[in-house]
Amino acid sequence: MGTSTERAEAAAQGGQDGQDRAEGAEAQRTAAGPGPQRGPAAQETPASVETAEGPAAGPVVRPAARPVALSPSRASDFMQCPLLYRFRVIDKLPEKPSAAATRGTVVHAVLERLFDAPAAERTAPGARAMVPGEWEKLLAKRPELAELFADDPEGEQLATWLADAEALVERWFSLEDPTRLEPAERELYVETVLESGLQLRGFIDRVDVAPTGEVRIVDYKTGKAPRPQFFEGALFQMKFYALVVWRLRGVVPRRLQLVYLGSGDVRTYDPSEADLLGVERKLQALWEAIQLATESGDWRPRPTKLCGWCDHQAHCPEFGGTPPVYPLAIRPADGGAARQGRMDQS
């Protein structure tokens, strides 16, 4: 479940593994379908709506519609570039599959389904052996991913790609001991509506609950850990999930844990109610800015280093492109551009 901070790190470091092309990894993992959902926080994913990180049922093109909910990825999109948000949420422009993002999808699937086995059977060799099978399952659900290796008649690129995925899975065993973990939830879809009416939703990789009732939210990243100055950006996603869980269960999660398989790092943060109330205020302001842009049709690009990774350069004015005709009715709103500019600096 990636953030704009991770993508910024990717640009700064020359695109190491695309840092999962973090948004794409989450969209593809969502399209592959979540595993079993357990516990009171789980909500059934509507088949006809956009889920927290992407389409709920694969690359199905739906008519344009006004945004109805906010997820971590979509929030990061708008803060990164309002026009990117429009392209993904309103225009629903297609994006090319990414080898790095797809690898992240496969690795997440292995780490989720590993816990189906008894504790004693959760071994590194066994987990590595699951990688090819999870790739085949994903490919069966999303045949378009075959184009990733269309120029690989001998299968050498695919073999290297699978080996890299297996190495990430194996590294996880040096960071956590699955024989001592019994997750309360895995790949959990959560959704809540704030008092303001704002709907929040997302997928959480893993939720651990201690015998004392303390909750830990865990997120796997197949990229490298961000530099310290960028860690707050990565935490935004986790605090978003913590806020949703708090509103659903009435308990502030005791710990937020990010597991970076690319670099072998584990980062943790213990949130407070004040932290989560601050996130709630930020999300509300962000949603108001999105609504203003939706009503006015004023979606401005925000050029950054990340533009080099964007699939939508042909439609972006910054690259001489022209956005598609705006598909929604425009209702001019005074101050919309100013508010959008302020949110760009969040």
Protein backbone atom coordinates (compact mmCIF):
# COMPACT_ATOMS: atom_id res chain seq x y z
CA MET A 1 0.00 0.00 0.00
CA GLY A 2 2.36 2.84 -1.34
CA THR A 3 2.67 6.56 -0.78
CA SER A 4 3.88 9.51 -2.78
CA THR A 5 6.91 9.64 -0.48
CA GLU A 6 8.05 6.24 -1.64
CA ARG A 7 7.70 7.33 -5.24
CA ALA A 8 9.71 10.46 -4.50
CA GLU A 9 12.42 8.30 -3.01
CA ALA A 10 12.33 6.22 -6.16
CA ALA A 11 12.92 9.26 -8.32
CA ALA A 12 15.75 10.45 -6.12
CA GLN A 13 17.42 7.05 -6.15
CA GLY A 14 17.05 6.48 -9.87
CA GLY A 15 13.86 4.46 -9.60
CA GLN A 16 15.08 1.48 -7.58
CA ASP A 17 12.62 -1.21 -8.55
CA GLY A 18 10.22 1.63 -9.24
CA GLN A 19 9.88 1.55 -5.44
CA ASP A 20 7.06 -0.80 -6.43
CA ARG A 21 5.51 1.97 -8.48
CA ALA A 22 3.73 2.02 -5.17
CA GLU A 23 0.31 3.08 -6.38
CA GLY A 24 0.34 0.51 -9.18
CA ALA A 25 1.29 -2.26 -6.83
CA GLU A 26 -1.72 -1.57 -4.66
CA ALA A 27 -4.10 -1.30 -7.61
CA GLN A 28 -2.90 -4.60 -9.04
CA ARG A 29 -3.09 -6.36 -5.68
CA THR A 30 -6.65 -5.13 -5.26
CA ALA A 31 -7.55 -6.36 -8.73
CA ALA A 32 -6.14 -9.77 -7.84
CA GLY A 33 -8.69 -9.98 -5.06
CA PRO A 34 -8.24 -9.99 -1.29
CA GLY A 35 -7.88 -13.15 0.71
CA PRO A 36 -10.15 -14.18 3.56
CA GLN A 37 -11.37 -11.26 5.63
CA ARG A 38 -11.81 -11.82 9.30
CA GLY A 39 -13.11 -9.83 12.24
CA PRO A 40 -15.55 -7.01 12.95
CA ALA A 41 -13.66 -4.36 10.97
CA ALA A 42 -14.10 -6.21 7.68
CA GLN A 43 -16.62 -4.81 5.25
CA GLU A 44 -17.73 -6.52 2.07
CA THR A 45 -16.14 -4.90 -0.98
CA PRO A 46 -18.81 -3.70 -3.39
CA ALA A 47 -18.13 -5.25 -6.78
CA SER A 48 -19.13 -2.19 -8.77
CA VAL A 49 -17.20 0.54 -7.00
CA GLU A 50 -13.61 1.67 -6.95
CA THR A 51 -11.97 0.27 -3.86
CA ALA A 52 -9.36 1.98 -1.76
CA GLU A 53 -6.46 1.23 -4.07
CA GLY A 54 -8.01 0.56 -7.44
CA PRO A 55 -10.77 -1.22 -9.31
CA ALA A 56 -12.50 -3.89 -7.29
CA ALA A 57 -12.80 -6.38 -10.11
CA GLY A 58 -9.92 -5.84 -12.52
CA PRO A 59 -9.47 -3.35 -15.35
CA VAL A 60 -13.15 -2.66 -16.06
CA VAL A 61 -13.83 0.78 -17.54
CA ARG A 62 -16.81 2.47 -15.89
CA PRO A 63 -18.60 5.74 -16.71
CA ALA A 64 -17.15 8.86 -15.18
CA ALA A 65 -18.62 9.75 -11.83
CA ARG A 66 -17.96 12.16 -9.00
CA PRO A 67 -15.64 10.89 -6.27
CA VAL A 68 -17.51 9.36 -3.35
CA ALA A 69 -14.74 8.21 -1.01
CA LEU A 70 -11.10 8.70 -0.14
CA SER A 71 -8.30 6.15 0.21
CA PRO A 72 -4.61 6.60 1.07
CA SER A 73 -3.52 6.19 -2.55
CA ARG A 74 -6.08 8.62 -3.88
CA ALA A 75 -5.26 11.15 -1.17
CA SER A 76 -1.57 10.87 -2.07
CA ASP A 77 -2.42 11.27 -5.75
CA PHE A 78 -4.21 14.56 -5.14
CA MET A 79 -1.47 15.92 -2.90
CA GLN A 80 1.13 14.90 -5.48
CA CYS A 81 -0.76 16.26 -8.50
CA PRO A 82 -4.46 17.17 -8.73
CA LEU A 83 -4.47 16.40 -12.46
CA LEU A 84 -3.14 12.90 -11.78
CA TYR A 85 -6.03 12.37 -9.37
CA ARG A 86 -8.46 13.43 -12.08
CA PHE A 87 -6.91 11.09 -14.66
CA ARG A 88 -7.15 8.12 -12.30
CA VAL A 89 -10.43 8.74 -10.49
CA ILE A 90 -12.63 10.66 -12.91
CA ASP A 91 -11.27 9.92 -16.40
CA LYS A 92 -10.10 6.45 -15.35
CA LEU A 93 -7.31 6.49 -17.93
CA PRO A 94 -5.54 3.13 -18.36
CA GLU A 95 -2.00 2.63 -17.10
CA LYS A 96 0.59 0.17 -18.30
CA PRO A 97 1.38 -2.84 -16.11
CA SER A 98 4.62 -2.55 -14.17
CA ALA A 99 6.96 -5.45 -13.48
CA ALA A 100 7.89 -3.97 -10.10
CA ALA A 101 4.28 -3.37 -9.09
CA THR A 102 3.27 -6.84 -10.19
CA ARG A 103 6.12 -8.35 -8.21
CA GLY A 104 4.79 -6.50 -5.18
CA THR A 105 1.37 -7.99 -5.78
CA VAL A 106 2.80 -11.50 -5.88
CA VAL A 107 4.94 -11.00 -2.77
CA HIS A 108 1.96 -9.64 -0.84
CA ALA A 109 -0.11 -12.65 -1.87
CA VAL A 110 2.55 -15.04 -0.58
CA LEU A 111 2.88 -13.24 2.75
CA GLU A 112 -0.88 -13.23 3.16
CA ARG A 113 -1.50 -16.88 2.30
CA LEU A 114 1.53 -18.19 4.15
CA PHE A 115 -0.54 -17.93 7.34
CA ASP A 116 -3.04 -20.45 6.00
CA ALA A 117 -0.47 -23.10 6.93
CA PRO A 118 0.15 -24.33 10.50
CA ALA A 119 2.84 -22.34 12.30
CA ALA A 120 5.48 -25.07 12.01
CA GLU A 121 5.09 -25.16 8.23
CA ARG A 122 5.66 -21.44 7.68
CA THR A 123 9.22 -21.74 6.41
CA ALA A 124 11.30 -19.64 4.06
CA PRO A 125 11.75 -22.45 1.49
CA GLY A 126 8.04 -23.12 1.57
CA ALA A 127 7.24 -19.46 1.06
CA ARG A 128 9.69 -19.16 -1.83
CA ALA A 129 8.04 -22.15 -3.46
CA MET A 130 4.70 -20.33 -3.38
CA VAL A 131 5.92 -17.49 -5.61
CA PRO A 132 5.51 -19.15 -9.06
CA GLY A 133 2.06 -20.40 -8.15
CA GLU A 134 0.88 -16.97 -6.98
CA TRP A 135 2.20 -15.47 -10.21
CA GLU A 136 0.23 -18.00 -12.24
CA LYS A 137 -2.93 -17.24 -10.25
CA LEU A 138 -2.52 -13.53 -10.82
CA LEU A 139 -1.83 -14.03 -14.52
CA ALA A 140 -4.99 -16.10 -14.87
CA LYS A 141 -7.02 -13.27 -13.34
CA ARG A 142 -5.21 -10.55 -15.27
CA PRO A 143 -4.06 -11.93 -18.65
CA GLU A 144 -2.87 -8.49 -19.74
CA LEU A 145 0.11 -8.92 -17.39
CA ALA A 146 1.59 -11.34 -19.93
CA GLU A 147 2.76 -8.31 -21.90
CA LEU A 148 5.36 -7.69 -19.19
CA PHE A 149 7.35 -10.58 -20.63
CA ALA A 150 6.20 -10.46 -24.25
CA ASP A 151 9.80 -9.94 -25.43
CA ASP A 152 11.17 -12.81 -23.36
CA PRO A 153 10.82 -15.92 -25.55
CA GLU A 154 13.40 -17.89 -23.55
CA GLY A 155 11.84 -16.98 -20.23
CA GLU A 156 15.06 -15.54 -18.83
CA GLN A 157 13.52 -12.24 -17.75
CA LEU A 158 10.62 -14.02 -16.08
CA ALA A 159 13.00 -16.34 -14.25
CA THR A 160 15.00 -13.37 -12.94
CA TRP A 161 11.82 -11.56 -11.96
CA LEU A 162 10.53 -14.58 -10.04
CA ALA A 163 13.91 -15.01 -8.33
CA ASP A 164 13.79 -11.38 -7.20
CA ALA A 165 10.32 -11.94 -5.76
CA GLU A 166 11.52 -15.06 -3.96
CA ALA A 167 14.43 -13.10 -2.48
CA LEU A 168 12.04 -10.47 -1.09
CA VAL A 169 9.88 -13.18 0.46
CA GLU A 170 12.91 -14.83 2.03
CA ARG A 171 14.17 -11.52 3.45
CA TRP A 172 10.92 -11.14 5.35
CA PHE A 173 11.87 -14.14 7.48
CA SER A 174 14.87 -12.18 8.78
CA LEU A 175 12.53 -9.39 9.93
CA GLU A 176 9.60 -11.30 11.45
CA ASP A 177 9.00 -14.83 12.69
CA PRO A 178 5.75 -16.18 11.22
CA THR A 179 5.82 -19.18 13.55
CA ARG A 180 5.13 -16.78 16.42
CA LEU A 181 2.46 -14.72 14.68
CA GLU A 182 -1.24 -15.39 14.34
CA PRO A 183 -2.69 -12.38 12.54
CA ALA A 184 -6.22 -11.36 13.48
CA GLU A 185 -6.76 -10.03 9.95
CA ARG A 186 -5.01 -10.32 6.60
CA GLU A 187 -5.56 -8.16 3.52
CA LEU A 188 -8.44 -6.54 5.36
CA TYR A 189 -10.83 -4.17 3.58
CA VAL A 190 -12.00 -1.46 5.96
CA GLU A 191 -14.47 1.34 5.44
CA THR A 192 -15.98 3.98 7.65
CA VAL A 193 -17.89 7.25 7.38
CA LEU A 194 -16.78 10.20 9.48
CA GLU A 195 -19.25 12.50 11.23
CA SER A 196 -18.73 14.98 8.38
CA GLY A 197 -19.99 12.37 5.91
CA LEU A 198 -16.57 11.71 4.38
CA GLN A 199 -16.18 8.03 3.50
CA LEU A 200 -12.74 6.51 4.09
CA ARG A 201 -11.69 3.07 2.91
CA GLY A 202 -8.61 0.98 2.28
CA PHE A 203 -6.87 -2.37 2.48
CA ILE A 204 -4.66 -3.23 5.44
CA ASP A 205 -1.99 -5.88 4.88
CA ARG A 206 -2.12 -7.32 8.38
CA VAL A 207 -3.69 -6.62 11.76
CA ASP A 208 -2.26 -8.23 14.88
CA VAL A 209 -4.20 -8.17 18.16
CA ALA A 210 -2.44 -8.92 21.45
CA PRO A 211 -4.17 -10.92 24.20
CA THR A 212 -4.52 -7.60 26.03
CA GLY A 213 -6.47 -6.18 23.07
CA GLU A 214 -3.73 -3.90 21.76
CA VAL A 215 -3.81 -3.55 17.98
CA ARG A 216 -0.84 -3.44 15.62
CA ILE A 217 -1.27 -2.47 11.96
CA VAL A 218 1.38 -3.89 9.63
CA ASP A 219 2.14 -2.90 6.06
CA TYR A 220 4.59 -4.65 3.73
CA LYS A 221 6.69 -2.62 1.31
CA THR A 222 8.77 -4.33 -1.37
CA GLY A 223 10.85 -1.20 -1.89
CA LYS A 224 13.51 0.35 0.31
CA ALA A 225 12.85 2.33 3.47
CA PRO A 226 12.63 6.10 2.82
CA ARG A 227 15.22 8.44 4.22
CA PRO A 228 14.33 9.82 7.66
CA GLN A 229 13.19 13.15 6.25
CA PHE A 230 10.60 11.35 4.13
CA PHE A 231 9.27 8.97 6.78
CA GLU A 232 6.37 11.23 7.74
CA GLY A 233 5.00 10.84 4.24
CA ALA A 234 5.05 7.07 4.59
CA LEU A 235 3.32 7.38 7.95
CA PHE A 236 0.42 9.30 6.40
CA GLN A 237 -0.91 6.08 4.89
CA MET A 238 -0.55 4.21 8.17
CA LYS A 239 -2.21 6.96 10.19
CA PHE A 240 -5.06 6.90 7.69
CA TYR A 241 -5.59 3.20 8.41
CA ALA A 242 -5.24 3.82 12.14
CA LEU A 243 -7.96 6.47 11.96
CA VAL A 244 -10.32 4.10 10.15
CA VAL A 245 -9.69 1.30 12.65
CA TRP A 246 -10.17 3.71 15.55
CA ARG A 247 -13.51 4.87 14.19
CA LEU A 248 -14.62 1.29 13.54
CA ARG A 249 -13.46 -0.34 16.79
CA GLY A 250 -13.17 2.53 19.21
CA VAL A 251 -9.53 1.62 19.94
CA VAL A 252 -6.48 3.61 18.83
CA PRO A 253 -3.97 1.12 17.38
CA ARG A 254 -1.03 0.69 19.71
CA ARG A 255 1.56 0.45 16.93
CA LEU A 256 1.97 1.11 13.22
CA GLN A 257 4.64 -1.04 11.58
CA LEU A 258 6.14 -0.72 8.10
CA VAL A 259 8.19 -3.67 6.88
CA TYR A 260 10.54 -2.74 4.02
CA LEU A 261 11.60 -5.89 2.23
CA GLY A 262 13.79 -4.07 -0.29
CA SER A 263 16.20 -2.85 2.36
CA GLY A 264 15.43 -5.17 5.27
CA ASP A 265 14.19 -2.43 7.58
CA VAL A 266 11.29 -2.26 10.03
CA ARG A 267 9.96 1.16 11.01
CA THR A 268 7.41 1.64 13.77
CA TYR A 269 5.33 4.46 15.16
CA ASP A 270 2.94 4.58 18.11
CA PRO A 271 0.06 6.96 17.31
CA SER A 272 -1.99 9.00 19.75
CA GLU A 273 -5.56 10.27 19.57
CA ALA A 274 -4.14 13.72 18.83
CA ASP A 275 -2.25 12.31 15.83
CA LEU A 276 -5.37 10.74 14.41
CA LEU A 277 -7.54 13.79 15.00
CA GLY A 278 -4.96 15.79 13.07
CA VAL A 279 -5.13 13.29 10.20
CA GLU A 280 -8.91 13.52 10.26
CA ARG A 281 -8.77 17.30 9.90
CA LYS A 282 -6.25 17.03 7.07
CA LEU A 283 -8.37 14.50 5.22
CA GLN A 284 -11.46 16.65 5.59
CA ALA A 285 -9.64 19.68 4.15
CA LEU A 286 -8.26 17.51 1.37
CA TRP A 287 -11.73 16.20 0.52
CA GLU A 288 -13.12 19.73 0.39
CA ALA A 289 -10.37 20.65 -2.09
CA ILE A 290 -11.21 17.59 -4.20
CA GLN A 291 -14.89 18.52 -4.19
CA LEU A 292 -14.08 22.08 -5.30
CA ALA A 293 -11.94 20.78 -8.16
CA THR A 294 -14.66 18.31 -9.14
CA GLU A 295 -17.32 21.01 -9.28
CA SER A 296 -15.18 23.56 -11.14
CA GLY A 297 -13.29 21.17 -13.42
CA ASP A 298 -10.07 22.94 -12.42
CA TRP A 299 -7.51 20.16 -12.05
CA ARG A 300 -4.03 21.63 -12.27
CA PRO A 301 -0.82 19.69 -12.84
CA ARG A 302 1.89 19.97 -10.24
CA PRO A 303 5.27 19.28 -11.88
CA THR A 304 7.73 17.26 -9.77
CA LYS A 305 10.46 14.67 -10.31
CA LEU A 306 7.71 12.05 -10.28
CA CYS A 307 6.41 13.29 -13.63
CA GLY A 308 9.04 11.13 -15.32
CA TRP A 309 7.21 8.03 -14.03
CA CYS A 310 3.74 9.15 -15.05
CA ASP A 311 1.83 7.16 -17.67
CA HIS A 312 -0.27 10.17 -18.62
CA GLN A 313 2.28 12.53 -20.16
CA ALA A 314 0.43 12.45 -23.50
CA HIS A 315 -2.57 14.05 -21.77
CA CYS A 316 -0.64 16.45 -19.53
CA PRO A 317 -0.21 20.14 -20.46
CA GLU A 318 3.23 20.12 -18.84
CA PHE A 319 4.32 17.77 -21.64
CA GLY A 320 2.38 19.51 -24.41
CA GLY A 321 -0.58 17.17 -24.09
CA THR A 322 -4.29 17.87 -23.82
CA PRO A 323 -6.48 16.29 -21.12
CA PRO A 324 -9.59 14.45 -22.27
CA VAL A 325 -12.81 16.44 -22.43
CA TYR A 326 -14.00 16.83 -18.85
CA PRO A 327 -16.79 14.28 -18.46
CA LEU A 328 -18.66 15.90 -15.58
CA ALA A 329 -20.92 18.94 -15.42
CA ILE A 330 -18.98 22.01 -14.33
CA ARG A 331 -20.26 24.20 -11.55
CA PRO A 332 -17.87 27.15 -11.12
CA ALA A 333 -16.78 27.61 -7.53
CA ASP A 334 -15.00 30.74 -6.29
CA GLY A 335 -11.73 30.06 -4.55
CA GLY A 336 -11.36 26.53 -5.85
CA ALA A 337 -8.02 27.17 -7.48
CA ALA A 338 -6.71 28.84 -4.35
CA ARG A 339 -7.75 25.93 -2.15
CA GLN A 340 -6.23 23.46 -4.60
CA GLY A 341 -2.96 25.37 -4.47
CA ARG A 342 -2.91 25.21 -0.68
CA MET A 343 -3.47 21.45 -0.65
CA ASP A 344 -0.64 21.02 -3.15
CA GLN A 345 1.70 22.19 -0.43
CA SER A 346 0.50 19.71 2.19
